[in-house]
Amino acid sequence: KMVHGGLRYIEQGNLGLVRHSLHERQR
């Protein structure tokens, strides 16, 4: 049930995926 922004991916250095996830979540 989560529409997450991918907080754990920041630790992995995947900022592009986090930015995309947060943008899609806002949509």
PDB file of all heavy atoms in Angstrom:
ATOM      1  N   LYS A   1       0.825  -1.225   0.000  1.00  0.00           N
ATOM      2  CA  LYS A   1       0.000   0.000   0.000  1.00  0.00           C
ATOM      3  C   LYS A   1       0.852   1.266   0.000  1.00  0.00           C
ATOM      4  O   LYS A   1       0.326   2.370   0.074  1.00  0.00           O
ATOM      5  CB  LYS A   1      -0.964   0.055   1.200  1.00  0.00           C
ATOM      6  CG  LYS A   1      -1.671  -1.235   1.537  1.00  0.00           C
ATOM      7  CD  LYS A   1      -2.515  -1.769   0.420  1.00  0.00           C
ATOM      8  CE  LYS A   1      -3.205  -3.061   0.833  1.00  0.00           C
ATOM      9  NZ  LYS A   1      -3.904  -3.723  -0.274  1.00  0.00           N
ATOM     10  N   MET A   2       2.161   1.115  -0.093  1.00  0.00           N
ATOM     11  CA  MET A   2       3.045   2.270  -0.050  1.00  0.00           C
ATOM     12  C   MET A   2       3.242   2.871  -1.437  1.00  0.00           C
ATOM     13  O   MET A   2       3.404   2.157  -2.423  1.00  0.00           O
ATOM     14  CB  MET A   2       4.410   1.866   0.507  1.00  0.00           C
ATOM     15  CG  MET A   2       4.414   1.580   1.984  1.00  0.00           C
ATOM     16  SD  MET A   2       4.332   3.105   2.930  1.00  0.00           S
ATOM     17  CE  MET A   2       5.881   3.848   2.436  1.00  0.00           C
ATOM     18  N   VAL A   3       3.196   4.204  -1.500  1.00  0.00           N
ATOM     19  CA  VAL A   3       3.647   4.935  -2.683  1.00  0.00           C
ATOM     20  C   VAL A   3       4.881   5.689  -2.209  1.00  0.00           C
ATOM     21  O   VAL A   3       4.830   6.861  -1.874  1.00  0.00           O
ATOM     22  CB  VAL A   3       2.574   5.906  -3.200  1.00  0.00           C
ATOM     23  CG1 VAL A   3       3.022   6.566  -4.497  1.00  0.00           C
ATOM     24  CG2 VAL A   3       1.262   5.186  -3.430  1.00  0.00           C
ATOM     25  N   HIS A   4       5.994   4.975  -2.113  1.00  0.00           N
ATOM     26  CA  HIS A   4       7.163   5.534  -1.439  1.00  0.00           C
ATOM     27  C   HIS A   4       8.056   6.308  -2.396  1.00  0.00           C
ATOM     28  O   HIS A   4       8.025   6.121  -3.601  1.00  0.00           O
ATOM     29  CB  HIS A   4       7.964   4.443  -0.731  1.00  0.00           C
ATOM     30  CG  HIS A   4       8.561   3.425  -1.659  1.00  0.00           C
ATOM     31  ND1 HIS A   4       9.714   3.659  -2.355  1.00  0.00           N
ATOM     32  CD2 HIS A   4       8.151   2.184  -2.000  1.00  0.00           C
ATOM     33  CE1 HIS A   4       9.999   2.597  -3.086  1.00  0.00           C
ATOM     34  NE2 HIS A   4       9.069   1.683  -2.895  1.00  0.00           N
ATOM     35  N   GLY A   5       8.839   7.202  -1.790  1.00  0.00           N
ATOM     36  CA  GLY A   5       9.773   7.991  -2.575  1.00  0.00           C
ATOM     37  C   GLY A   5      11.131   7.355  -2.711  1.00  0.00           C
ATOM     38  O   GLY A   5      12.014   7.912  -3.359  1.00  0.00           O
ATOM     39  N   GLY A   6      11.317   6.182  -2.097  1.00  0.00           N
ATOM     40  CA  GLY A   6      12.590   5.482  -2.253  1.00  0.00           C
ATOM     41  C   GLY A   6      13.691   6.008  -1.363  1.00  0.00           C
ATOM     42  O   GLY A   6      14.821   6.207  -1.813  1.00  0.00           O
ATOM     43  N   LEU A   7      13.380   6.230  -0.090  1.00  0.00           N
ATOM     44  CA  LEU A   7      14.372   6.759   0.846  1.00  0.00           C
ATOM     45  C   LEU A   7      15.620   5.886   0.895  1.00  0.00           C
ATOM     46  O   LEU A   7      16.740   6.390   0.959  1.00  0.00           O
ATOM     47  CB  LEU A   7      13.740   6.867   2.240  1.00  0.00           C
ATOM     48  CG  LEU A   7      14.572   7.500   3.347  1.00  0.00           C
ATOM     49  CD1 LEU A   7      14.846   8.957   3.040  1.00  0.00           C
ATOM     50  CD2 LEU A   7      13.863   7.370   4.693  1.00  0.00           C
ATOM     51  N   ARG A   8      15.438   4.579   0.820  1.00  0.00           N
ATOM     52  CA  ARG A   8      16.590   3.660   0.938  1.00  0.00           C
ATOM     53  C   ARG A   8      17.531   3.780  -0.249  1.00  0.00           C
ATOM     54  O   ARG A   8      18.717   3.456  -0.142  1.00  0.00           O
ATOM     55  CB  ARG A   8      16.101   2.225   1.062  1.00  0.00           C
ATOM     56  CG  ARG A   8      15.300   1.740  -0.133  1.00  0.00           C
ATOM     57  CD  ARG A   8      14.872   0.306   0.007  1.00  0.00           C
ATOM     58  NE  ARG A   8      14.048  -0.130  -1.098  1.00  0.00           N
ATOM     59  CZ  ARG A   8      13.652  -1.377  -1.299  1.00  0.00           C
ATOM     60  NH1 ARG A   8      14.031  -2.307  -0.446  1.00  0.00           N
ATOM     61  NH2 ARG A   8      12.896  -1.682  -2.309  1.00  0.00           N
ATOM     62  N   TYR A   9      17.021   4.249  -1.415  1.00  0.00           N
ATOM     63  CA  TYR A   9      17.864   4.343  -2.599  1.00  0.00           C
ATOM     64  C   TYR A   9      18.873   5.489  -2.509  1.00  0.00           C
ATOM     65  O   TYR A   9      19.846   5.509  -3.254  1.00  0.00           O
ATOM     66  CB  TYR A   9      17.004   4.495  -3.849  1.00  0.00           C
ATOM     67  CG  TYR A   9      16.098   3.308  -4.094  1.00  0.00           C
ATOM     68  CD1 TYR A   9      14.721   3.469  -4.212  1.00  0.00           C
ATOM     69  CD2 TYR A   9      16.607   2.026  -4.190  1.00  0.00           C
ATOM     70  CE1 TYR A   9      13.879   2.385  -4.414  1.00  0.00           C
ATOM     71  CE2 TYR A   9      15.782   0.934  -4.392  1.00  0.00           C
ATOM     72  CZ  TYR A   9      14.414   1.117  -4.504  1.00  0.00           C
ATOM     73  OH  TYR A   9      13.597   0.044  -4.698  1.00  0.00           O
ATOM     74  N   ILE A  10      18.626   6.444  -1.612  1.00  0.00           N
ATOM     75  CA  ILE A  10      19.610   7.513  -1.423  1.00  0.00           C
ATOM     76  C   ILE A  10      20.897   6.924  -0.876  1.00  0.00           C
ATOM     77  O   ILE A  10      22.000   7.282  -1.293  1.00  0.00           O
ATOM     78  CB  ILE A  10      19.054   8.588  -0.471  1.00  0.00           C
ATOM     79  CG1 ILE A  10      17.844   9.272  -1.101  1.00  0.00           C
ATOM     80  CG2 ILE A  10      20.126   9.619  -0.140  1.00  0.00           C
ATOM     81  CD1 ILE A  10      17.208  10.323  -0.213  1.00  0.00           C
ATOM     82  N   GLU A  11      20.766   5.988   0.063  1.00  0.00           N
ATOM     83  CA  GLU A  11      21.949   5.326   0.636  1.00  0.00           C
ATOM     84  C   GLU A  11      22.744   4.599  -0.431  1.00  0.00           C
ATOM     85  O   GLU A  11      23.966   4.497  -0.354  1.00  0.00           O
ATOM     86  CB  GLU A  11      21.506   4.358   1.738  1.00  0.00           C
ATOM     87  CG  GLU A  11      22.648   3.691   2.479  1.00  0.00           C
ATOM     88  CD  GLU A  11      22.160   2.706   3.521  1.00  0.00           C
ATOM     89  OE1 GLU A  11      20.932   2.528   3.638  1.00  0.00           O
ATOM     90  OE2 GLU A  11      23.001   2.111   4.213  1.00  0.00           O
ATOM     91  N   GLN A  12      22.031   4.100  -1.466  1.00  0.00           N
ATOM     92  CA  GLN A  12      22.695   3.399  -2.558  1.00  0.00           C
ATOM     93  C   GLN A  12      23.230   4.351  -3.616  1.00  0.00           C
ATOM     94  O   GLN A  12      23.831   3.922  -4.598  1.00  0.00           O
ATOM     95  CB  GLN A  12      21.722   2.409  -3.194  1.00  0.00           C
ATOM     96  CG  GLN A  12      21.185   1.366  -2.215  1.00  0.00           C
ATOM     97  CD  GLN A  12      20.080   0.521  -2.813  1.00  0.00           C
ATOM     98  OE1 GLN A  12      19.791   0.601  -3.999  1.00  0.00           O
ATOM     99  NE2 GLN A  12      19.444  -0.308  -1.984  1.00  0.00           N
ATOM    100  N   GLY A  13      22.980   5.657  -3.445  1.00  0.00           N
ATOM    101  CA  GLY A  13      23.465   6.647  -4.394  1.00  0.00           C
ATOM    102  C   GLY A  13      22.624   6.801  -5.640  1.00  0.00           C
ATOM    103  O   GLY A  13      23.045   7.454  -6.601  1.00  0.00           O
ATOM    104  N   ASN A  14      21.435   6.230  -5.647  1.00  0.00           N
ATOM    105  CA  ASN A  14      20.576   6.284  -6.840  1.00  0.00           C
ATOM    106  C   ASN A  14      19.597   7.456  -6.709  1.00  0.00           C
ATOM    107  O   ASN A  14      18.383   7.269  -6.586  1.00  0.00           O
ATOM    108  CB  ASN A  14      19.820   4.966  -7.009  1.00  0.00           C
ATOM    109  CG  ASN A  14      19.313   4.772  -8.418  1.00  0.00           C
ATOM    110  OD1 ASN A  14      19.153   5.738  -9.173  1.00  0.00           O
ATOM    111  ND2 ASN A  14      19.053   3.535  -8.789  1.00  0.00           N
ATOM    112  N   LEU A  15      20.120   8.680  -6.780  1.00  0.00           N
ATOM    113  CA  LEU A  15      19.290   9.868  -6.600  1.00  0.00           C
ATOM    114  C   LEU A  15      18.308  10.051  -7.752  1.00  0.00           C
ATOM    115  O   LEU A  15      17.212  10.593  -7.564  1.00  0.00           O
ATOM    116  CB  LEU A  15      20.182  11.107  -6.474  1.00  0.00           C
ATOM    117  CG  LEU A  15      21.006  11.216  -5.181  1.00  0.00           C
ATOM    118  CD1 LEU A  15      21.893  12.439  -5.225  1.00  0.00           C
ATOM    119  CD2 LEU A  15      20.089  11.265  -3.972  1.00  0.00           C
ATOM    120  N   GLY A  16      18.712   9.618  -8.964  1.00  0.00           N
ATOM    121  CA  GLY A  16      17.821   9.741 -10.105  1.00  0.00           C
ATOM    122  C   GLY A  16      16.525   8.970  -9.902  1.00  0.00           C
ATOM    123  O   GLY A  16      15.437   9.462 -10.219  1.00  0.00           O
ATOM    124  N   LEU A  17      16.639   7.758  -9.347  1.00  0.00           N
ATOM    125  CA  LEU A  17      15.460   6.942  -9.086  1.00  0.00           C
ATOM    126  C   LEU A  17      14.585   7.573  -8.002  1.00  0.00           C
ATOM    127  O   LEU A  17      13.348   7.578  -8.103  1.00  0.00           O
ATOM    128  CB  LEU A  17      15.875   5.532  -8.663  1.00  0.00           C
ATOM    129  CG  LEU A  17      14.743   4.552  -8.335  1.00  0.00           C
ATOM    130  CD1 LEU A  17      13.829   4.372  -9.528  1.00  0.00           C
ATOM    131  CD2 LEU A  17      15.319   3.205  -7.898  1.00  0.00           C
ATOM    132  N   VAL A  18      15.222   8.136  -6.977  1.00  0.00           N
ATOM    133  CA  VAL A  18      14.475   8.796  -5.901  1.00  0.00           C
ATOM    134  C   VAL A  18      13.717   9.996  -6.451  1.00  0.00           C
ATOM    135  O   VAL A  18      12.527  10.188  -6.170  1.00  0.00           O
ATOM    136  CB  VAL A  18      15.422   9.237  -4.774  1.00  0.00           C
ATOM    137  CG1 VAL A  18      14.663  10.028  -3.709  1.00  0.00           C
ATOM    138  CG2 VAL A  18      16.100   8.032  -4.143  1.00  0.00           C
ATOM    139  N   ARG A  19      14.380  10.804  -7.257  1.00  0.00           N
ATOM    140  CA  ARG A  19      13.746  11.991  -7.831  1.00  0.00           C
ATOM    141  C   ARG A  19      12.559  11.598  -8.704  1.00  0.00           C
ATOM    142  O   ARG A  19      11.488  12.207  -8.643  1.00  0.00           O
ATOM    143  CB  ARG A  19      14.762  12.779  -8.652  1.00  0.00           C
ATOM    144  CG  ARG A  19      14.289  14.162  -9.072  1.00  0.00           C
ATOM    145  CD  ARG A  19      15.346  14.896  -9.882  1.00  0.00           C
ATOM    146  NE  ARG A  19      16.592  15.039  -9.147  1.00  0.00           N
ATOM    147  CZ  ARG A  19      17.710  14.396  -9.452  1.00  0.00           C
ATOM    148  NH1 ARG A  19      17.735  13.540 -10.454  1.00  0.00           N
ATOM    149  NH2 ARG A  19      18.800  14.591  -8.741  1.00  0.00           N
ATOM    150  N   HIS A  20      12.744  10.539  -9.511  1.00  0.00           N
ATOM    151  CA  HIS A  20      11.656  10.069 -10.376  1.00  0.00           C
ATOM    152  C   HIS A  20      10.494   9.534  -9.538  1.00  0.00           C
ATOM    153  O   HIS A  20       9.320   9.826  -9.836  1.00  0.00           O
ATOM    154  CB  HIS A  20      12.180   8.975 -11.306  1.00  0.00           C
ATOM    155  CG  HIS A  20      11.133   8.367 -12.185  1.00  0.00           C
ATOM    156  ND1 HIS A  20      10.625   9.014 -13.289  1.00  0.00           N
ATOM    157  CD2 HIS A  20      10.476   7.181 -12.106  1.00  0.00           C
ATOM    158  CE1 HIS A  20       9.705   8.258 -13.861  1.00  0.00           C
ATOM    159  NE2 HIS A  20       9.600   7.139 -13.169  1.00  0.00           N
ATOM    160  N   SER A  21      10.785   8.769  -8.490  1.00  0.00           N
ATOM    161  CA  SER A  21       9.736   8.201  -7.642  1.00  0.00           C
ATOM    162  C   SER A  21       8.929   9.304  -6.954  1.00  0.00           C
ATOM    163  O   SER A  21       7.694   9.228  -6.877  1.00  0.00           O
ATOM    164  CB  SER A  21      10.345   7.278  -6.590  1.00  0.00           C
ATOM    165  OG  SER A  21      10.983   6.165  -7.184  1.00  0.00           O
ATOM    166  N   LEU A  22       9.615  10.324  -6.470  1.00  0.00           N
ATOM    167  CA  LEU A  22       8.929  11.415  -5.789  1.00  0.00           C
ATOM    168  C   LEU A  22       8.061  12.216  -6.759  1.00  0.00           C
ATOM    169  O   LEU A  22       6.969  12.674  -6.402  1.00  0.00           O
ATOM    170  CB  LEU A  22       9.954  12.326  -5.106  1.00  0.00           C
ATOM    171  CG  LEU A  22      10.670  11.713  -3.902  1.00  0.00           C
ATOM    172  CD1 LEU A  22      11.840  12.584  -3.469  1.00  0.00           C
ATOM    173  CD2 LEU A  22       9.703  11.504  -2.752  1.00  0.00           C
ATOM    174  N   HIS A  23       8.535  12.375  -7.992  1.00  0.00           N
ATOM    175  CA  HIS A  23       7.748  13.089  -8.996  1.00  0.00           C
ATOM    176  C   HIS A  23       6.490  12.300  -9.344  1.00  0.00           C
ATOM    177  O   HIS A  23       5.387  12.872  -9.445  1.00  0.00           O
ATOM    178  CB  HIS A  23       8.599  13.317 -10.245  1.00  0.00           C
ATOM    179  CG  HIS A  23       7.937  14.188 -11.262  1.00  0.00           C
ATOM    180  ND1 HIS A  23       7.669  15.518 -11.026  1.00  0.00           N
ATOM    181  CD2 HIS A  23       7.477  13.925 -12.504  1.00  0.00           C
ATOM    182  CE1 HIS A  23       7.074  16.038 -12.086  1.00  0.00           C
ATOM    183  NE2 HIS A  23       6.934  15.096 -12.996  1.00  0.00           N
ATOM    184  N   GLU A  24       6.620  10.993  -9.507  1.00  0.00           N
ATOM    185  CA  GLU A  24       5.463  10.157  -9.824  1.00  0.00           C
ATOM    186  C   GLU A  24       4.487  10.106  -8.647  1.00  0.00           C
ATOM    187  O   GLU A  24       3.273  10.091  -8.841  1.00  0.00           O
ATOM    188  CB  GLU A  24       5.929   8.732 -10.180  1.00  0.00           C
ATOM    189  CG  GLU A  24       6.635   8.635 -11.518  1.00  0.00           C
ATOM    190  CD  GLU A  24       5.733   9.040 -12.674  1.00  0.00           C
ATOM    191  OE1 GLU A  24       4.587   8.565 -12.723  1.00  0.00           O
ATOM    192  OE2 GLU A  24       6.163   9.860 -13.502  1.00  0.00           O
ATOM    193  N   ARG A  25       5.012  10.097  -7.434  1.00  0.00           N
ATOM    194  CA  ARG A  25       4.151  10.102  -6.259  1.00  0.00           C
ATOM    195  C   ARG A  25       3.316  11.375  -6.206  1.00  0.00           C
ATOM    196  O   ARG A  25       2.121  11.347  -5.886  1.00  0.00           O
ATOM    197  CB  ARG A  25       4.990   9.970  -4.991  1.00  0.00           C
ATOM    198  CG  ARG A  25       4.144   9.812  -3.720  1.00  0.00           C
ATOM    199  CD  ARG A  25       5.007   9.731  -2.490  1.00  0.00           C
ATOM    200  NE  ARG A  25       5.595  11.021  -2.167  1.00  0.00           N
ATOM    201  CZ  ARG A  25       6.489  11.206  -1.198  1.00  0.00           C
ATOM    202  NH1 ARG A  25       6.922  10.171  -0.495  1.00  0.00           N
ATOM    203  NH2 ARG A  25       6.968  12.407  -0.945  1.00  0.00           N
ATOM    204  N   GLN A  26       3.937  12.509  -6.551  1.00  0.00           N
ATOM    205  CA  GLN A  26       3.199  13.758  -6.549  1.00  0.00           C
ATOM    206  C   GLN A  26       2.114  13.774  -7.620  1.00  0.00           C
ATOM    207  O   GLN A  26       1.031  14.334  -7.414  1.00  0.00           O
ATOM    208  CB  GLN A  26       4.156  14.943  -6.757  1.00  0.00           C
ATOM    209  CG  GLN A  26       3.487  16.305  -6.713  1.00  0.00           C
ATOM    210  CD  GLN A  26       2.773  16.567  -5.406  1.00  0.00           C
ATOM    211  OE1 GLN A  26       3.065  15.916  -4.397  1.00  0.00           O
ATOM    212  NE2 GLN A  26       1.844  17.505  -5.394  1.00  0.00           N
ATOM    213  N   ARG A  27       2.373  13.135  -8.757  1.00  0.00           N
ATOM    214  CA  ARG A  27       1.340  13.021  -9.784  1.00  0.00           C
ATOM    215  C   ARG A  27       0.141  12.238  -9.265  1.00  0.00           C
ATOM    216  O   ARG A  27      -1.009  12.612  -9.494  1.00  0.00           O
ATOM    217  CB  ARG A  27       1.902  12.335 -11.027  1.00  0.00           C
ATOM    218  CG  ARG A  27       2.798  13.209 -11.879  1.00  0.00           C
ATOM    219  CD  ARG A  27       3.282  12.448 -13.087  1.00  0.00           C
ATOM    220  NE  ARG A  27       4.075  13.293 -13.967  1.00  0.00           N
ATOM    221  CZ  ARG A  27       4.700  12.860 -15.056  1.00  0.00           C
ATOM    222  NH1 ARG A  27       4.601  11.581 -15.394  1.00  0.00           N
ATOM    223  NH2 ARG A  27       5.400  13.692 -15.801  1.00  0.00           N
TER     224      ARG A  27
END
